[in-house]
């Protein structure tokens, strides 16, 4: 098995996993949202996904936050009518995500170097004979 192609596939899989993890919405407790205004993790401009008790799912940017619910262009949704509430805060962990990506790439590069170390030849005097 060619180690280089294995690591290319591994790197691609790691990248896809990271992109999928970065785009997921984080759940928000509706009970806590009813008790504490504004709900933890939700600010003006946050992208939220609301699933209502009548099984409708709506995504919108928050333009209104009250003790009763959240509002945006699609309308106002009361907490008591929500079955599920999720929020996406893209700027919240931006530096942390970059650190994970760079660390993973560094580890992969180090492993690739170690695996391919048997291909390195040291010749004195130069140049090395062609094999």
C-alpha atoms as a PDB file:
ATOM      1  CA  UNK A   1       0.000   0.000   0.000  1.00  0.00           C
ATOM      2  CA  UNK A   2       1.296   3.417  -0.922  1.00  0.00           C
ATOM      3  CA  UNK A   3       1.594   5.457   2.283  1.00  0.00           C
ATOM      4  CA  UNK A   4       1.400   8.759   0.451  1.00  0.00           C
ATOM      5  CA  UNK A   5      -2.037   7.977  -1.017  1.00  0.00           C
ATOM      6  CA  UNK A   6      -3.180   6.742   2.398  1.00  0.00           C
ATOM      7  CA  UNK A   7      -2.206  10.041   4.010  1.00  0.00           C
ATOM      8  CA  UNK A   8      -3.856  12.045   1.232  1.00  0.00           C
ATOM      9  CA  UNK A   9      -7.106  10.174   1.871  1.00  0.00           C
ATOM     10  CA  UNK A  10      -6.669  10.535   5.629  1.00  0.00           C
ATOM     11  CA  UNK A  11      -6.121  14.281   5.286  1.00  0.00           C
ATOM     12  CA  UNK A  12      -9.153  14.629   3.026  1.00  0.00           C
ATOM     13  CA  UNK A  13     -11.315  12.696   5.505  1.00  0.00           C
ATOM     14  CA  UNK A  14     -10.064  14.838   8.380  1.00  0.00           C
ATOM     15  CA  UNK A  15     -10.836  18.006   6.432  1.00  0.00           C
ATOM     16  CA  UNK A  16     -14.369  16.847   5.583  1.00  0.00           C
ATOM     17  CA  UNK A  17     -14.994  15.895   9.215  1.00  0.00           C
ATOM     18  CA  UNK A  18     -13.738  19.269  10.418  1.00  0.00           C
ATOM     19  CA  UNK A  19     -15.883  21.182   7.928  1.00  0.00           C
ATOM     20  CA  UNK A  20     -18.930  19.184   8.949  1.00  0.00           C
ATOM     21  CA  UNK A  21     -18.232  19.819  12.623  1.00  0.00           C
ATOM     22  CA  UNK A  22     -17.835  23.555  12.031  1.00  0.00           C
ATOM     23  CA  UNK A  23     -21.158  23.862  10.281  1.00  0.00           C
ATOM     24  CA  UNK A  24     -23.307  22.111  12.866  1.00  0.00           C
ATOM     25  CA  UNK A  25     -25.789  24.000  14.985  1.00  0.00           C
ATOM     26  CA  UNK A  26     -25.531  23.850  18.756  1.00  0.00           C
ATOM     27  CA  UNK A  27     -28.665  22.971  20.761  1.00  0.00           C
ATOM     28  CA  UNK A  28     -30.112  25.541  23.155  1.00  0.00           C
ATOM     29  CA  UNK A  29     -32.259  24.516  26.118  1.00  0.00           C
ATOM     30  CA  UNK A  30     -35.747  25.920  25.604  1.00  0.00           C
ATOM     31  CA  UNK A  31     -36.437  25.761  29.344  1.00  0.00           C
ATOM     32  CA  UNK A  32     -33.381  27.920  30.044  1.00  0.00           C
ATOM     33  CA  UNK A  33     -34.371  30.251  27.209  1.00  0.00           C
ATOM     34  CA  UNK A  34     -37.752  30.762  28.887  1.00  0.00           C
ATOM     35  CA  UNK A  35     -36.103  31.576  32.224  1.00  0.00           C
ATOM     36  CA  UNK A  36     -33.150  33.709  31.103  1.00  0.00           C
ATOM     37  CA  UNK A  37     -33.422  36.429  28.484  1.00  0.00           C
ATOM     38  CA  UNK A  38     -31.519  36.514  26.203  1.00  0.00           C
ATOM     39  CA  UNK A  39     -30.874  32.771  25.974  1.00  0.00           C
ATOM     40  CA  UNK A  40     -27.274  31.683  26.423  1.00  0.00           C
ATOM     41  CA  UNK A  41     -25.432  31.648  23.085  1.00  0.00           C
ATOM     42  CA  UNK A  42     -28.030  33.661  21.166  1.00  0.00           C
ATOM     43  CA  UNK A  43     -27.358  37.278  20.235  1.00  0.00           C
ATOM     44  CA  UNK A  44     -28.740  39.670  17.660  1.00  0.00           C
ATOM     45  CA  UNK A  45     -27.630  38.436  14.243  1.00  0.00           C
ATOM     46  CA  UNK A  46     -27.223  34.805  15.343  1.00  0.00           C
ATOM     47  CA  UNK A  47     -28.394  32.177  12.877  1.00  0.00           C
ATOM     48  CA  UNK A  48     -30.967  29.973  14.603  1.00  0.00           C
ATOM     49  CA  UNK A  49     -33.012  26.971  13.579  1.00  0.00           C
ATOM     50  CA  UNK A  50     -36.397  26.570  15.233  1.00  0.00           C
ATOM     51  CA  UNK A  51     -38.475  23.403  15.046  1.00  0.00           C
ATOM     52  CA  UNK A  52     -42.008  24.147  16.177  1.00  0.00           C
ATOM     53  CA  UNK A  53     -44.465  21.828  17.871  1.00  0.00           C
ATOM     54  CA  UNK A  54     -46.428  21.608  14.600  1.00  0.00           C
ATOM     55  CA  UNK A  55     -43.263  20.116  12.942  1.00  0.00           C
ATOM     56  CA  UNK A  56     -42.244  23.218  10.926  1.00  0.00           C
ATOM     57  CA  UNK A  57     -38.517  23.998  10.723  1.00  0.00           C
ATOM     58  CA  UNK A  58     -37.415  27.580  10.147  1.00  0.00           C
ATOM     59  CA  UNK A  59     -33.908  29.077   9.898  1.00  0.00           C
ATOM     60  CA  UNK A  60     -33.436  32.803  10.384  1.00  0.00           C
ATOM     61  CA  UNK A  61     -31.156  35.524  11.714  1.00  0.00           C
ATOM     62  CA  UNK A  62     -32.294  36.878  15.060  1.00  0.00           C
ATOM     63  CA  UNK A  63     -33.455  40.496  14.903  1.00  0.00           C
ATOM     64  CA  UNK A  64     -35.698  40.442  17.976  1.00  0.00           C
ATOM     65  CA  UNK A  65     -35.167  38.893  21.404  1.00  0.00           C
ATOM     66  CA  UNK A  66     -37.823  39.125  24.114  1.00  0.00           C
ATOM     67  CA  UNK A  67     -38.751  37.201  27.243  1.00  0.00           C
ATOM     68  CA  UNK A  68     -41.374  35.355  25.160  1.00  0.00           C
ATOM     69  CA  UNK A  69     -39.358  34.310  22.116  1.00  0.00           C
ATOM     70  CA  UNK A  70     -37.166  35.108  19.121  1.00  0.00           C
ATOM     71  CA  UNK A  71     -37.947  36.931  15.915  1.00  0.00           C
ATOM     72  CA  UNK A  72     -36.519  37.472  12.466  1.00  0.00           C
ATOM     73  CA  UNK A  73     -37.636  38.081   8.879  1.00  0.00           C
ATOM     74  CA  UNK A  74     -39.721  34.891   8.885  1.00  0.00           C
ATOM     75  CA  UNK A  75     -41.695  36.025  11.916  1.00  0.00           C
ATOM     76  CA  UNK A  76     -41.715  35.765  15.686  1.00  0.00           C
ATOM     77  CA  UNK A  77     -41.546  32.389  17.435  1.00  0.00           C
ATOM     78  CA  UNK A  78     -42.557  31.935  21.056  1.00  0.00           C
ATOM     79  CA  UNK A  79     -40.481  29.623  23.239  1.00  0.00           C
ATOM     80  CA  UNK A  80     -43.593  27.745  24.318  1.00  0.00           C
ATOM     81  CA  UNK A  81     -44.299  26.857  20.654  1.00  0.00           C
ATOM     82  CA  UNK A  82     -40.765  25.509  20.075  1.00  0.00           C
ATOM     83  CA  UNK A  83     -39.897  21.839  20.129  1.00  0.00           C
ATOM     84  CA  UNK A  84     -36.222  22.345  19.312  1.00  0.00           C
ATOM     85  CA  UNK A  85     -33.920  25.387  19.198  1.00  0.00           C
ATOM     86  CA  UNK A  86     -30.407  25.384  17.774  1.00  0.00           C
ATOM     87  CA  UNK A  87     -27.929  28.209  17.186  1.00  0.00           C
ATOM     88  CA  UNK A  88     -24.884  28.685  14.967  1.00  0.00           C
ATOM     89  CA  UNK A  89     -22.253  31.094  16.301  1.00  0.00           C
ATOM     90  CA  UNK A  90     -19.612  31.039  13.546  1.00  0.00           C
ATOM     91  CA  UNK A  91     -17.238  33.583  15.109  1.00  0.00           C
ATOM     92  CA  UNK A  92     -17.297  32.123  18.598  1.00  0.00           C
ATOM     93  CA  UNK A  93     -14.627  29.407  18.206  1.00  0.00           C
ATOM     94  CA  UNK A  94     -12.841  30.670  15.102  1.00  0.00           C
ATOM     95  CA  UNK A  95      -9.337  30.747  16.648  1.00  0.00           C
ATOM     96  CA  UNK A  96      -9.849  27.434  18.405  1.00  0.00           C
ATOM     97  CA  UNK A  97     -10.846  25.711  15.149  1.00  0.00           C
ATOM     98  CA  UNK A  98      -7.804  27.082  13.326  1.00  0.00           C
ATOM     99  CA  UNK A  99      -5.573  25.751  16.090  1.00  0.00           C
ATOM    100  CA  UNK A 100      -7.066  22.263  15.746  1.00  0.00           C
ATOM    101  CA  UNK A 101      -6.653  22.305  11.967  1.00  0.00           C
ATOM    102  CA  UNK A 102      -3.022  23.419  12.108  1.00  0.00           C
ATOM    103  CA  UNK A 103      -2.229  20.902  14.846  1.00  0.00           C
ATOM    104  CA  UNK A 104      -3.778  18.053  12.856  1.00  0.00           C
ATOM    105  CA  UNK A 105      -1.886  19.058   9.716  1.00  0.00           C
ATOM    106  CA  UNK A 106       1.366  19.232  11.679  1.00  0.00           C
ATOM    107  CA  UNK A 107       0.855  15.779  13.164  1.00  0.00           C
ATOM    108  CA  UNK A 108       0.012  14.324   9.750  1.00  0.00           C
ATOM    109  CA  UNK A 109       3.120  15.914   8.227  1.00  0.00           C
ATOM    110  CA  UNK A 110       5.290  14.532  11.035  1.00  0.00           C
ATOM    111  CA  UNK A 111       3.869  11.016  10.591  1.00  0.00           C
ATOM    112  CA  UNK A 112       4.400  11.218   6.819  1.00  0.00           C
ATOM    113  CA  UNK A 113       8.001  12.250   7.408  1.00  0.00           C
ATOM    114  CA  UNK A 114       8.610   9.344   9.772  1.00  0.00           C
ATOM    115  CA  UNK A 115       6.976   6.823   7.434  1.00  0.00           C
ATOM    116  CA  UNK A 116       9.026   7.987   4.469  1.00  0.00           C
ATOM    117  CA  UNK A 117      12.281   8.175   6.435  1.00  0.00           C
ATOM    118  CA  UNK A 118      13.583   4.976   4.826  1.00  0.00           C
ATOM    119  CA  UNK A 119      13.724   6.808   1.481  1.00  0.00           C
ATOM    120  CA  UNK A 120      16.329   9.259   2.820  1.00  0.00           C
ATOM    121  CA  UNK A 121      19.948   8.484   1.978  1.00  0.00           C
ATOM    122  CA  UNK A 122      23.009  10.289   3.243  1.00  0.00           C
ATOM    123  CA  UNK A 123      26.013  10.117   0.960  1.00  0.00           C
ATOM    124  CA  UNK A 124      29.534  11.328   1.540  1.00  0.00           C
ATOM    125  CA  UNK A 125      31.038  12.554  -0.661  1.00  0.00           C
ATOM    126  CA  UNK A 126      28.261  14.053  -2.787  1.00  0.00           C
ATOM    127  CA  UNK A 127      26.514  13.306  -5.113  1.00  0.00           C
ATOM    128  CA  UNK A 128      24.718  10.092  -4.218  1.00  0.00           C
ATOM    129  CA  UNK A 129      24.815   7.263  -6.734  1.00  0.00           C
ATOM    130  CA  UNK A 130      21.597   6.847  -8.686  1.00  0.00           C
ATOM    131  CA  UNK A 131      19.706   3.713  -7.737  1.00  0.00           C
END
